[in-house]
Structure formats: C-alpha cells, structure tokens
Amino acid sequence: MTITLPREQQEWLEAQVKAGYYDSIEDAVASIVAERMQLDIDDMAWARELVEEGRASLKRDGGLTLEEHQERMARKLQELDRK
C-alpha cells in the first residue's frame, strides 16, 4: 500500500521516529491507526462503575456549585501560601 501524506504530517512522523518513539514511519502509522481503531470500539464500559459511584456520592452527600468550589479552592490556596 502506498500512502501520500501532506509534508507537515510526514515531517511530524519522521521527527517521532528520530526521537525514538517509533522504530519506523510504518511502525508509527500502524500504531496510530491501532489507537484510532481502539477509540472507535471503546464503549466506555470501564467507566460505568465510576460514573455510578459519582452519582451515588452526589445523591448522598450533595454537591457544590461552581462558585462554592472556586471559593473553597481559593481558601485552600491561601492556606498553602501561609505555610
């Protein structure tokens, strides 16, 4: 298979190989395509339990508004600055 890439993509791939991230341009392309394929089939099932945990925690303990969170973080930063 022959693939023609825009110059900037080819240069980026060459730089990745030169930096040692991949053994060859072919290896880089195969790895990137495999990652993209995984994204297409990842149904995020692994996160379902974590999302349900978060929802239960929110229901049980309540939540914060953005403003409340920002105020809490500002107080914590002030405490850190005093140390």
N, C-alpha and C. Protein backbone atom coordinates (compact mmCIF):
# COMPACT_ATOMS: atom_id res chain seq x y z
N MET A 1 0.84 -1.17 0.00
CA MET A 1 0.00 0.00 0.00
C MET A 1 0.89 1.23 0.00
N THR A 2 0.53 2.18 -0.80
CA THR A 2 1.26 3.44 -0.85
C THR A 2 0.32 4.54 -0.37
N ILE A 3 0.80 5.33 0.57
CA ILE A 3 0.00 6.43 1.12
C ILE A 3 0.80 7.71 0.95
N THR A 4 0.13 8.74 0.46
CA THR A 4 0.77 10.05 0.33
C THR A 4 0.22 10.96 1.41
N LEU A 5 1.11 11.51 2.20
CA LEU A 5 0.73 12.41 3.29
C LEU A 5 1.17 13.83 2.99
N PRO A 6 0.48 14.80 3.57
CA PRO A 6 0.96 16.18 3.46
C PRO A 6 2.34 16.29 4.09
N ARG A 7 3.13 17.23 3.61
CA ARG A 7 4.51 17.39 4.06
C ARG A 7 4.61 17.51 5.58
N GLU A 8 3.75 18.32 6.20
CA GLU A 8 3.87 18.52 7.65
C GLU A 8 3.59 17.23 8.42
N GLN A 9 2.70 16.38 7.93
CA GLN A 9 2.45 15.10 8.60
C GLN A 9 3.64 14.17 8.42
N GLN A 10 4.22 14.17 7.25
CA GLN A 10 5.39 13.33 7.01
C GLN A 10 6.55 13.78 7.90
N GLU A 11 6.75 15.08 7.99
CA GLU A 11 7.83 15.61 8.83
C GLU A 11 7.59 15.29 10.30
N TRP A 12 6.33 15.35 10.73
CA TRP A 12 6.00 15.01 12.11
C TRP A 12 6.32 13.54 12.39
N LEU A 13 5.93 12.67 11.46
CA LEU A 13 6.22 11.24 11.63
C LEU A 13 7.73 10.99 11.67
N GLU A 14 8.46 11.64 10.79
CA GLU A 14 9.92 11.48 10.77
C GLU A 14 10.52 11.94 12.10
N ALA A 15 10.00 13.02 12.65
CA ALA A 15 10.51 13.52 13.94
C ALA A 15 10.20 12.54 15.07
N GLN A 16 9.04 11.89 15.01
CA GLN A 16 8.68 10.90 16.04
C GLN A 16 9.63 9.71 15.99
N VAL A 17 9.96 9.29 14.78
CA VAL A 17 10.91 8.18 14.62
C VAL A 17 12.29 8.60 15.10
N LYS A 18 12.72 9.79 14.70
CA LYS A 18 14.04 10.29 15.10
C LYS A 18 14.14 10.42 16.62
N ALA A 19 13.04 10.79 17.27
CA ALA A 19 13.03 10.95 18.73
C ALA A 19 13.00 9.59 19.44
N GLY A 20 12.79 8.53 18.69
CA GLY A 20 12.81 7.19 19.28
C GLY A 20 11.46 6.68 19.74
N TYR A 21 10.40 7.39 19.41
CA TYR A 21 9.07 6.93 19.82
C TYR A 21 8.62 5.72 19.01
N TYR A 22 9.11 5.63 17.79
CA TYR A 22 8.76 4.52 16.90
C TYR A 22 10.02 4.06 16.19
N ASP A 23 10.02 2.80 15.75
CA ASP A 23 11.17 2.26 15.04
C ASP A 23 11.22 2.70 13.58
N SER A 24 10.05 2.98 13.02
CA SER A 24 9.98 3.38 11.61
C SER A 24 8.69 4.16 11.39
N ILE A 25 8.60 4.79 10.23
CA ILE A 25 7.36 5.50 9.89
C ILE A 25 6.22 4.50 9.79
N GLU A 26 6.49 3.34 9.22
CA GLU A 26 5.45 2.32 9.11
C GLU A 26 4.94 1.91 10.50
N ASP A 27 5.87 1.76 11.45
CA ASP A 27 5.51 1.41 12.83
C ASP A 27 4.66 2.52 13.45
N ALA A 28 5.02 3.76 13.21
CA ALA A 28 4.28 4.90 13.74
C ALA A 28 2.86 4.92 13.19
N VAL A 29 2.74 4.78 11.89
CA VAL A 29 1.41 4.81 11.27
C VAL A 29 0.56 3.65 11.78
N ALA A 30 1.12 2.46 11.85
CA ALA A 30 0.37 1.30 12.33
C ALA A 30 -0.09 1.50 13.77
N SER A 31 0.77 2.06 14.60
CA SER A 31 0.43 2.30 16.00
C SER A 31 -0.68 3.34 16.12
N ILE A 32 -0.58 4.40 15.36
CA ILE A 32 -1.59 5.47 15.42
C ILE A 32 -2.93 4.96 14.90
N VAL A 33 -2.92 4.18 13.84
CA VAL A 33 -4.17 3.61 13.31
C VAL A 33 -4.78 2.65 14.34
N ALA A 34 -3.95 1.84 14.99
CA ALA A 34 -4.46 0.91 16.01
C ALA A 34 -5.10 1.67 17.17
N GLU A 35 -4.48 2.78 17.58
CA GLU A 35 -5.07 3.60 18.65
C GLU A 35 -6.42 4.15 18.23
N ARG A 36 -6.49 4.64 17.01
CA ARG A 36 -7.76 5.19 16.50
C ARG A 36 -8.83 4.11 16.41
N MET A 37 -8.45 2.93 15.98
CA MET A 37 -9.40 1.83 15.91
C MET A 37 -9.93 1.49 17.29
N GLN A 38 -9.08 1.53 18.30
CA GLN A 38 -9.49 1.25 19.67
C GLN A 38 -10.49 2.30 20.15
N LEU A 39 -10.27 3.55 19.78
CA LEU A 39 -11.22 4.60 20.16
C LEU A 39 -12.59 4.34 19.56
N ASP A 40 -12.61 3.83 18.35
CA ASP A 40 -13.88 3.57 17.68
C ASP A 40 -14.67 2.44 18.35
N ILE A 41 -13.99 1.49 18.98
CA ILE A 41 -14.70 0.36 19.59
C ILE A 41 -14.82 0.48 21.10
N ASP A 42 -14.17 1.45 21.70
CA ASP A 42 -14.23 1.61 23.16
C ASP A 42 -15.59 2.17 23.54
N ASP A 43 -16.40 1.37 24.22
CA ASP A 43 -17.75 1.81 24.57
C ASP A 43 -17.80 2.46 25.95
N MET A 44 -16.64 2.68 26.53
CA MET A 44 -16.54 3.34 27.83
C MET A 44 -17.17 2.52 28.95
N ALA A 45 -17.39 1.23 28.73
CA ALA A 45 -17.97 0.37 29.77
C ALA A 45 -17.11 0.38 31.03
N TRP A 46 -15.82 0.54 30.86
CA TRP A 46 -14.92 0.55 32.01
C TRP A 46 -15.24 1.70 32.96
N ALA A 47 -15.86 2.76 32.46
CA ALA A 47 -16.14 3.94 33.29
C ALA A 47 -17.51 3.88 33.96
N ARG A 48 -18.34 2.96 33.55
CA ARG A 48 -19.72 2.91 34.05
C ARG A 48 -19.77 2.85 35.58
N GLU A 49 -18.98 1.98 36.19
CA GLU A 49 -18.99 1.84 37.65
C GLU A 49 -18.54 3.14 38.33
N LEU A 50 -17.53 3.79 37.77
CA LEU A 50 -17.05 5.05 38.34
C LEU A 50 -18.10 6.15 38.26
N VAL A 51 -18.82 6.19 37.15
CA VAL A 51 -19.88 7.19 36.99
C VAL A 51 -21.00 6.93 38.00
N GLU A 52 -21.38 5.69 38.17
CA GLU A 52 -22.43 5.35 39.13
C GLU A 52 -22.00 5.69 40.55
N GLU A 53 -20.72 5.44 40.87
CA GLU A 53 -20.18 5.83 42.18
C GLU A 53 -20.31 7.32 42.40
N GLY A 54 -19.95 8.09 41.40
CA GLY A 54 -20.04 9.55 41.48
C GLY A 54 -21.48 10.01 41.65
N ARG A 55 -22.38 9.42 40.92
CA ARG A 55 -23.80 9.78 41.04
C ARG A 55 -24.33 9.47 42.44
N ALA A 56 -23.96 8.29 42.96
CA ALA A 56 -24.41 7.91 44.30
C ALA A 56 -23.86 8.87 45.35
N SER A 57 -22.60 9.25 45.19
CA SER A 57 -21.97 10.19 46.12
C SER A 57 -22.67 11.54 46.07
N LEU A 58 -22.99 12.00 44.88
CA LEU A 58 -23.67 13.27 44.72
C LEU A 58 -25.05 13.23 45.38
N LYS A 59 -25.75 12.13 45.15
CA LYS A 59 -27.08 11.99 45.74
C LYS A 59 -27.00 11.92 47.26
N ARG A 60 -25.99 11.22 47.77
CA ARG A 60 -25.83 11.02 49.22
C ARG A 60 -25.33 12.29 49.90
N ASP A 61 -24.30 12.88 49.36
CA ASP A 61 -23.61 13.98 50.04
C ASP A 61 -23.93 15.36 49.48
N GLY A 62 -24.63 15.41 48.39
CA GLY A 62 -24.89 16.70 47.75
C GLY A 62 -23.67 17.13 46.96
N GLY A 63 -23.76 18.27 46.35
CA GLY A 63 -22.65 18.75 45.53
C GLY A 63 -22.38 20.21 45.80
N LEU A 64 -21.48 20.75 45.06
CA LEU A 64 -21.12 22.15 45.17
C LEU A 64 -21.45 22.87 43.87
N THR A 65 -21.81 24.12 43.98
CA THR A 65 -21.93 24.93 42.78
C THR A 65 -20.51 25.29 42.34
N LEU A 66 -20.38 25.78 41.15
CA LEU A 66 -19.07 26.20 40.66
C LEU A 66 -18.50 27.28 41.58
N GLU A 67 -19.35 28.22 41.99
CA GLU A 67 -18.88 29.30 42.85
C GLU A 67 -18.40 28.78 44.20
N GLU A 68 -19.12 27.82 44.76
CA GLU A 68 -18.71 27.23 46.04
C GLU A 68 -17.36 26.53 45.90
N HIS A 69 -17.21 25.81 44.81
CA HIS A 69 -15.94 25.12 44.56
C HIS A 69 -14.80 26.12 44.42
N GLN A 70 -15.02 27.19 43.66
CA GLN A 70 -13.98 28.19 43.46
C GLN A 70 -13.60 28.87 44.78
N GLU A 71 -14.59 29.16 45.61
CA GLU A 71 -14.31 29.77 46.91
C GLU A 71 -13.50 28.81 47.78
N ARG A 72 -13.87 27.53 47.79
CA ARG A 72 -13.15 26.54 48.59
C ARG A 72 -11.70 26.43 48.12
N MET A 73 -11.51 26.40 46.82
CA MET A 73 -10.15 26.30 46.28
C MET A 73 -9.34 27.55 46.60
N ALA A 74 -9.97 28.72 46.55
CA ALA A 74 -9.26 29.97 46.87
C ALA A 74 -8.82 29.94 48.34
N ARG A 75 -9.68 29.46 49.23
CA ARG A 75 -9.30 29.35 50.65
C ARG A 75 -8.14 28.39 50.84
N LYS A 76 -8.19 27.26 50.15
CA LYS A 76 -7.11 26.27 50.28
C LYS A 76 -5.79 26.85 49.76
N LEU A 77 -5.83 27.59 48.67
CA LEU A 77 -4.62 28.21 48.13
C LEU A 77 -4.07 29.24 49.12
N GLN A 78 -4.95 29.99 49.76
CA GLN A 78 -4.49 30.97 50.76
C GLN A 78 -3.81 30.25 51.93
N GLU A 79 -4.38 29.14 52.34
CA GLU A 79 -3.78 28.36 53.43
C GLU A 79 -2.39 27.87 53.02
N LEU A 80 -2.24 27.42 51.80
CA LEU A 80 -0.94 26.93 51.33
C LEU A 80 0.07 28.08 51.25
N ASP A 81 -0.38 29.25 50.85
CA ASP A 81 0.52 30.41 50.75
C ASP A 81 1.04 30.81 52.13
N ARG A 82 0.25 30.60 53.17
CA ARG A 82 0.67 30.98 54.52
C ARG A 82 1.70 30.03 55.11
N LYS A 83 1.82 28.85 54.54
CA LYS A 83 2.74 27.84 55.10
C LYS A 83 4.16 28.08 54.64
